[in-house]
Amino acid sequence: GGGLVQPGGSLRLSCAASRSIFSMSN
């Protein structure tokens, strides 16, 4: 989700985890 954006713009980053411990993780 990263990239180049102008000041005032928006981006949304995503982080995908490979294992189900995700739900137990901070």
PDB file of all heavy atoms in Angstrom:
ATOM      1  N   GLY A   1       0.771  -1.227   0.000  1.00  0.00           N
ATOM      2  CA  GLY A   1       0.000   0.000   0.000  1.00  0.00           C
ATOM      3  C   GLY A   1       0.803   1.280   0.000  1.00  0.00           C
ATOM      4  O   GLY A   1       0.247   2.375  -0.077  1.00  0.00           O
ATOM      5  N   GLY A   2       2.119   1.162   0.102  1.00  0.00           N
ATOM      6  CA  GLY A   2       2.939   2.365   0.074  1.00  0.00           C
ATOM      7  C   GLY A   2       2.993   2.977  -1.317  1.00  0.00           C
ATOM      8  O   GLY A   2       2.500   2.397  -2.291  1.00  0.00           O
ATOM      9  N   GLY A   3       3.594   4.153  -1.414  1.00  0.00           N
ATOM     10  CA  GLY A   3       3.719   4.809  -2.704  1.00  0.00           C
ATOM     11  C   GLY A   3       3.998   6.285  -2.557  1.00  0.00           C
ATOM     12  O   GLY A   3       4.343   6.765  -1.481  1.00  0.00           O
ATOM     13  N   LEU A   4       3.841   6.977  -3.664  1.00  0.00           N
ATOM     14  CA  LEU A   4       4.061   8.420  -3.726  1.00  0.00           C
ATOM     15  C   LEU A   4       2.704   9.131  -3.672  1.00  0.00           C
ATOM     16  O   LEU A   4       1.792   8.793  -4.441  1.00  0.00           O
ATOM     17  CB  LEU A   4       4.795   8.784  -5.009  1.00  0.00           C
ATOM     18  CG  LEU A   4       4.968  10.276  -5.321  1.00  0.00           C
ATOM     19  CD1 LEU A   4       5.842  10.947  -4.261  1.00  0.00           C
ATOM     20  CD2 LEU A   4       5.551  10.449  -6.710  1.00  0.00           C
ATOM     21  N   VAL A   5       2.586  10.101  -2.796  1.00  0.00           N
ATOM     22  CA  VAL A   5       1.341  10.847  -2.662  1.00  0.00           C
ATOM     23  C   VAL A   5       1.672  12.313  -2.405  1.00  0.00           C
ATOM     24  O   VAL A   5       2.707  12.632  -1.825  1.00  0.00           O
ATOM     25  CB  VAL A   5       0.483  10.254  -1.525  1.00  0.00           C
ATOM     26  CG1 VAL A   5       1.180  10.374  -0.180  1.00  0.00           C
ATOM     27  CG2 VAL A   5      -0.905  10.866  -1.488  1.00  0.00           C
ATOM     28  N   GLN A   6       0.797  13.188  -2.840  1.00  0.00           N
ATOM     29  CA  GLN A   6       1.002  14.617  -2.616  1.00  0.00           C
ATOM     30  C   GLN A   6       0.624  14.997  -1.191  1.00  0.00           C
ATOM     31  O   GLN A   6      -0.199  14.310  -0.552  1.00  0.00           O
ATOM     32  CB  GLN A   6       0.164  15.428  -3.604  1.00  0.00           C
ATOM     33  CG  GLN A   6       0.613  15.306  -5.041  1.00  0.00           C
ATOM     34  CD  GLN A   6      -0.158  16.239  -5.962  1.00  0.00           C
ATOM     35  OE1 GLN A   6      -1.221  16.734  -5.622  1.00  0.00           O
ATOM     36  NE2 GLN A   6       0.404  16.484  -7.142  1.00  0.00           N
ATOM     37  N   PRO A   7       1.189  16.063  -0.675  1.00  0.00           N
ATOM     38  CA  PRO A   7       0.789  16.538   0.657  1.00  0.00           C
ATOM     39  C   PRO A   7      -0.716  16.745   0.721  1.00  0.00           C
ATOM     40  O   PRO A   7      -1.325  17.270  -0.219  1.00  0.00           O
ATOM     41  CB  PRO A   7       1.546  17.859   0.790  1.00  0.00           C
ATOM     42  CG  PRO A   7       2.752  17.681  -0.067  1.00  0.00           C
ATOM     43  CD  PRO A   7       2.284  16.876  -1.244  1.00  0.00           C
ATOM     44  N   GLY A   8      -1.304  16.318   1.836  1.00  0.00           N
ATOM     45  CA  GLY A   8      -2.744  16.388   1.995  1.00  0.00           C
ATOM     46  C   GLY A   8      -3.482  15.157   1.512  1.00  0.00           C
ATOM     47  O   GLY A   8      -4.693  15.017   1.763  1.00  0.00           O
ATOM     48  N   GLY A   9      -2.777  14.280   0.838  1.00  0.00           N
ATOM     49  CA  GLY A   9      -3.391  13.072   0.304  1.00  0.00           C
ATOM     50  C   GLY A   9      -3.500  11.961   1.327  1.00  0.00           C
ATOM     51  O   GLY A   9      -3.167  12.134   2.511  1.00  0.00           O
ATOM     52  N   SER A  10      -3.976  10.801   0.848  1.00  0.00           N
ATOM     53  CA  SER A  10      -4.215   9.654   1.724  1.00  0.00           C
ATOM     54  C   SER A  10      -3.616   8.388   1.133  1.00  0.00           C
ATOM     55  O   SER A  10      -3.489   8.252  -0.090  1.00  0.00           O
ATOM     56  CB  SER A  10      -5.722   9.440   1.914  1.00  0.00           C
ATOM     57  OG  SER A  10      -6.327  10.545   2.544  1.00  0.00           O
ATOM     58  N   LEU A  11      -3.262   7.475   2.029  1.00  0.00           N
ATOM     59  CA  LEU A  11      -2.838   6.133   1.655  1.00  0.00           C
ATOM     60  C   LEU A  11      -3.350   5.169   2.714  1.00  0.00           C
ATOM     61  O   LEU A  11      -3.523   5.560   3.874  1.00  0.00           O
ATOM     62  CB  LEU A  11      -1.313   6.026   1.593  1.00  0.00           C
ATOM     63  CG  LEU A  11      -0.568   6.582   0.392  1.00  0.00           C
ATOM     64  CD1 LEU A  11       0.938   6.467   0.633  1.00  0.00           C
ATOM     65  CD2 LEU A  11      -0.946   5.858  -0.885  1.00  0.00           C
ATOM     66  N   ARG A  12      -3.558   3.924   2.308  1.00  0.00           N
ATOM     67  CA  ARG A  12      -3.868   2.883   3.284  1.00  0.00           C
ATOM     68  C   ARG A  12      -2.858   1.758   3.156  1.00  0.00           C
ATOM     69  O   ARG A  12      -2.716   1.154   2.097  1.00  0.00           O
ATOM     70  CB  ARG A  12      -5.281   2.334   3.105  1.00  0.00           C
ATOM     71  CG  ARG A  12      -5.661   1.396   4.252  1.00  0.00           C
ATOM     72  CD  ARG A  12      -7.082   0.899   4.182  1.00  0.00           C
ATOM     73  NE  ARG A  12      -7.236  -0.241   3.292  1.00  0.00           N
ATOM     74  CZ  ARG A  12      -8.174  -1.172   3.421  1.00  0.00           C
ATOM     75  NH1 ARG A  12      -9.058  -1.076   4.422  1.00  0.00           N
ATOM     76  NH2 ARG A  12      -8.258  -2.163   2.568  1.00  0.00           N
ATOM     77  N   LEU A  13      -2.158   1.505   4.250  1.00  0.00           N
ATOM     78  CA  LEU A  13      -1.207   0.405   4.306  1.00  0.00           C
ATOM     79  C   LEU A  13      -1.889  -0.846   4.842  1.00  0.00           C
ATOM     80  O   LEU A  13      -2.772  -0.749   5.706  1.00  0.00           O
ATOM     81  CB  LEU A  13      -0.017   0.763   5.209  1.00  0.00           C
ATOM     82  CG  LEU A  13       0.744   2.043   4.871  1.00  0.00           C
ATOM     83  CD1 LEU A  13       1.932   2.195   5.828  1.00  0.00           C
ATOM     84  CD2 LEU A  13       1.196   2.060   3.439  1.00  0.00           C
ATOM     85  N   SER A  14      -1.453  -1.985   4.336  1.00  0.00           N
ATOM     86  CA  SER A  14      -1.948  -3.265   4.824  1.00  0.00           C
ATOM     87  C   SER A  14      -0.783  -4.136   5.262  1.00  0.00           C
ATOM     88  O   SER A  14       0.309  -4.040   4.698  1.00  0.00           O
ATOM     89  CB  SER A  14      -2.735  -4.001   3.729  1.00  0.00           C
ATOM     90  OG  SER A  14      -3.860  -3.269   3.319  1.00  0.00           O
ATOM     91  N   CYS A  15      -1.029  -4.965   6.255  1.00  0.00           N
ATOM     92  CA  CYS A  15      -0.027  -5.913   6.725  1.00  0.00           C
ATOM     93  C   CYS A  15      -0.713  -7.264   6.846  1.00  0.00           C
ATOM     94  O   CYS A  15      -1.572  -7.450   7.719  1.00  0.00           O
ATOM     95  CB  CYS A  15       0.546  -5.473   8.061  1.00  0.00           C
ATOM     96  SG  CYS A  15       1.608  -6.713   8.848  1.00  0.00           S
ATOM     97  N   ALA A  16      -0.324  -8.187   6.002  1.00  0.00           N
ATOM     98  CA  ALA A  16      -0.904  -9.531   6.024  1.00  0.00           C
ATOM     99  C   ALA A  16       0.027 -10.471   6.769  1.00  0.00           C
ATOM    100  O   ALA A  16       1.224 -10.514   6.484  1.00  0.00           O
ATOM    101  CB  ALA A  16      -1.135 -10.018   4.598  1.00  0.00           C
ATOM    102  N   ALA A  17      -0.529 -11.219   7.711  1.00  0.00           N
ATOM    103  CA  ALA A  17       0.265 -12.157   8.507  1.00  0.00           C
ATOM    104  C   ALA A  17       0.030 -13.578   8.015  1.00  0.00           C
ATOM    105  O   ALA A  17      -1.063 -13.919   7.561  1.00  0.00           O
ATOM    106  CB  ALA A  17      -0.104 -12.046   9.980  1.00  0.00           C
ATOM    107  N   SER A  18       1.044 -14.384   8.151  1.00  0.00           N
ATOM    108  CA  SER A  18       0.997 -15.733   7.584  1.00  0.00           C
ATOM    109  C   SER A  18       0.404 -16.784   8.507  1.00  0.00           C
ATOM    110  O   SER A  18       0.110 -17.877   8.086  1.00  0.00           O
ATOM    111  CB  SER A  18       2.402 -16.183   7.192  1.00  0.00           C
ATOM    112  OG  SER A  18       3.225 -16.259   8.338  1.00  0.00           O
ATOM    113  N   ARG A  19       0.247 -16.456   9.772  1.00  0.00           N
ATOM    114  CA  ARG A  19      -0.236 -17.478  10.689  1.00  0.00           C
ATOM    115  C   ARG A  19      -1.383 -16.995  11.549  1.00  0.00           C
ATOM    116  O   ARG A  19      -1.556 -15.809  11.767  1.00  0.00           O
ATOM    117  CB  ARG A  19       0.914 -17.964  11.587  1.00  0.00           C
ATOM    118  CG  ARG A  19       1.961 -18.769  10.882  1.00  0.00           C
ATOM    119  CD  ARG A  19       3.002 -19.291  11.848  1.00  0.00           C
ATOM    120  NE  ARG A  19       2.408 -20.108  12.894  1.00  0.00           N
ATOM    121  CZ  ARG A  19       3.108 -20.666  13.868  1.00  0.00           C
ATOM    122  NH1 ARG A  19       4.420 -20.475  13.936  1.00  0.00           N
ATOM    123  NH2 ARG A  19       2.531 -21.391  14.795  1.00  0.00           N
ATOM    124  N   SER A  20      -2.129 -17.925  12.077  1.00  0.00           N
ATOM    125  CA  SER A  20      -3.345 -17.585  12.817  1.00  0.00           C
ATOM    126  C   SER A  20      -3.060 -16.977  14.180  1.00  0.00           C
ATOM    127  O   SER A  20      -3.973 -16.520  14.838  1.00  0.00           O
ATOM    128  CB  SER A  20      -4.224 -18.813  12.976  1.00  0.00           C
ATOM    129  OG  SER A  20      -3.528 -19.821  13.687  1.00  0.00           O
ATOM    130  N   ILE A  21      -1.785 -16.945  14.631  1.00  0.00           N
ATOM    131  CA  ILE A  21      -1.498 -16.295  15.917  1.00  0.00           C
ATOM    132  C   ILE A  21      -1.733 -14.810  15.839  1.00  0.00           C
ATOM    133  O   ILE A  21      -1.680 -14.106  16.835  1.00  0.00           O
ATOM    134  CB  ILE A  21      -0.041 -16.535  16.383  1.00  0.00           C
ATOM    135  CG1 ILE A  21       0.939 -15.904  15.402  1.00  0.00           C
ATOM    136  CG2 ILE A  21       0.228 -18.011  16.563  1.00  0.00           C
ATOM    137  CD1 ILE A  21       2.353 -15.875  15.927  1.00  0.00           C
ATOM    138  N   PHE A  22      -1.981 -14.316  14.633  1.00  0.00           N
ATOM    139  CA  PHE A  22      -2.250 -12.896  14.447  1.00  0.00           C
ATOM    140  C   PHE A  22      -3.267 -12.395  15.457  1.00  0.00           C
ATOM    141  O   PHE A  22      -3.083 -11.342  16.053  1.00  0.00           O
ATOM    142  CB  PHE A  22      -2.741 -12.662  13.017  1.00  0.00           C
ATOM    143  CG  PHE A  22      -3.161 -11.251  12.739  1.00  0.00           C
ATOM    144  CD1 PHE A  22      -2.225 -10.311  12.340  1.00  0.00           C
ATOM    145  CD2 PHE A  22      -4.479 -10.847  12.876  1.00  0.00           C
ATOM    146  CE1 PHE A  22      -2.600  -9.003  12.084  1.00  0.00           C
ATOM    147  CE2 PHE A  22      -4.865  -9.550  12.625  1.00  0.00           C
ATOM    148  CZ  PHE A  22      -3.928  -8.621  12.227  1.00  0.00           C
ATOM    149  N   SER A  23      -4.340 -13.145  15.636  1.00  0.00           N
ATOM    150  CA  SER A  23      -5.424 -12.687  16.511  1.00  0.00           C
ATOM    151  C   SER A  23      -4.977 -12.566  17.966  1.00  0.00           C
ATOM    152  O   SER A  23      -5.595 -11.848  18.744  1.00  0.00           O
ATOM    153  CB  SER A  23      -6.623 -13.626  16.416  1.00  0.00           C
ATOM    154  OG  SER A  23      -6.286 -14.899  16.901  1.00  0.00           O
ATOM    155  N   MET A  24      -3.905 -13.246  18.344  1.00  0.00           N
ATOM    156  CA  MET A  24      -3.417 -13.204  19.719  1.00  0.00           C
ATOM    157  C   MET A  24      -2.281 -12.199  19.893  1.00  0.00           C
ATOM    158  O   MET A  24      -1.803 -12.001  20.999  1.00  0.00           O
ATOM    159  CB  MET A  24      -2.944 -14.599  20.137  1.00  0.00           C
ATOM    160  CG  MET A  24      -4.058 -15.625  20.153  1.00  0.00           C
ATOM    161  SD  MET A  24      -3.465 -17.258  20.609  1.00  0.00           S
ATOM    162  CE  MET A  24      -2.746 -17.787  19.055  1.00  0.00           C
ATOM    163  N   SER A  25      -1.856 -11.602  18.799  1.00  0.00           N
ATOM    164  CA  SER A  25      -0.687 -10.736  18.819  1.00  0.00           C
ATOM    165  C   SER A  25      -1.064  -9.280  19.004  1.00  0.00           C
ATOM    166  O   SER A  25      -2.073  -8.810  18.467  1.00  0.00           O
ATOM    167  CB  SER A  25       0.101 -10.876  17.517  1.00  0.00           C
ATOM    168  OG  SER A  25       0.531 -12.197  17.320  1.00  0.00           O
ATOM    169  N   ASN A  26      -0.217  -8.567  19.739  1.00  0.00           N
ATOM    170  CA  ASN A  26      -0.266  -7.110  19.708  1.00  0.00           C
ATOM    171  C   ASN A  26       0.477  -6.668  18.451  1.00  0.00           C
ATOM    172  O   ASN A  26       1.530  -7.207  18.125  1.00  0.00           O
ATOM    173  CB  ASN A  26       0.379  -6.520  20.951  1.00  0.00           C
ATOM    174  CG  ASN A  26      -0.411  -6.840  22.200  1.00  0.00           C
ATOM    175  OD1 ASN A  26      -1.634  -6.944  22.174  1.00  0.00           O
ATOM    176  ND2 ASN A  26       0.270  -7.005  23.316  1.00  0.00           N
TER     177      ASN A  26
END
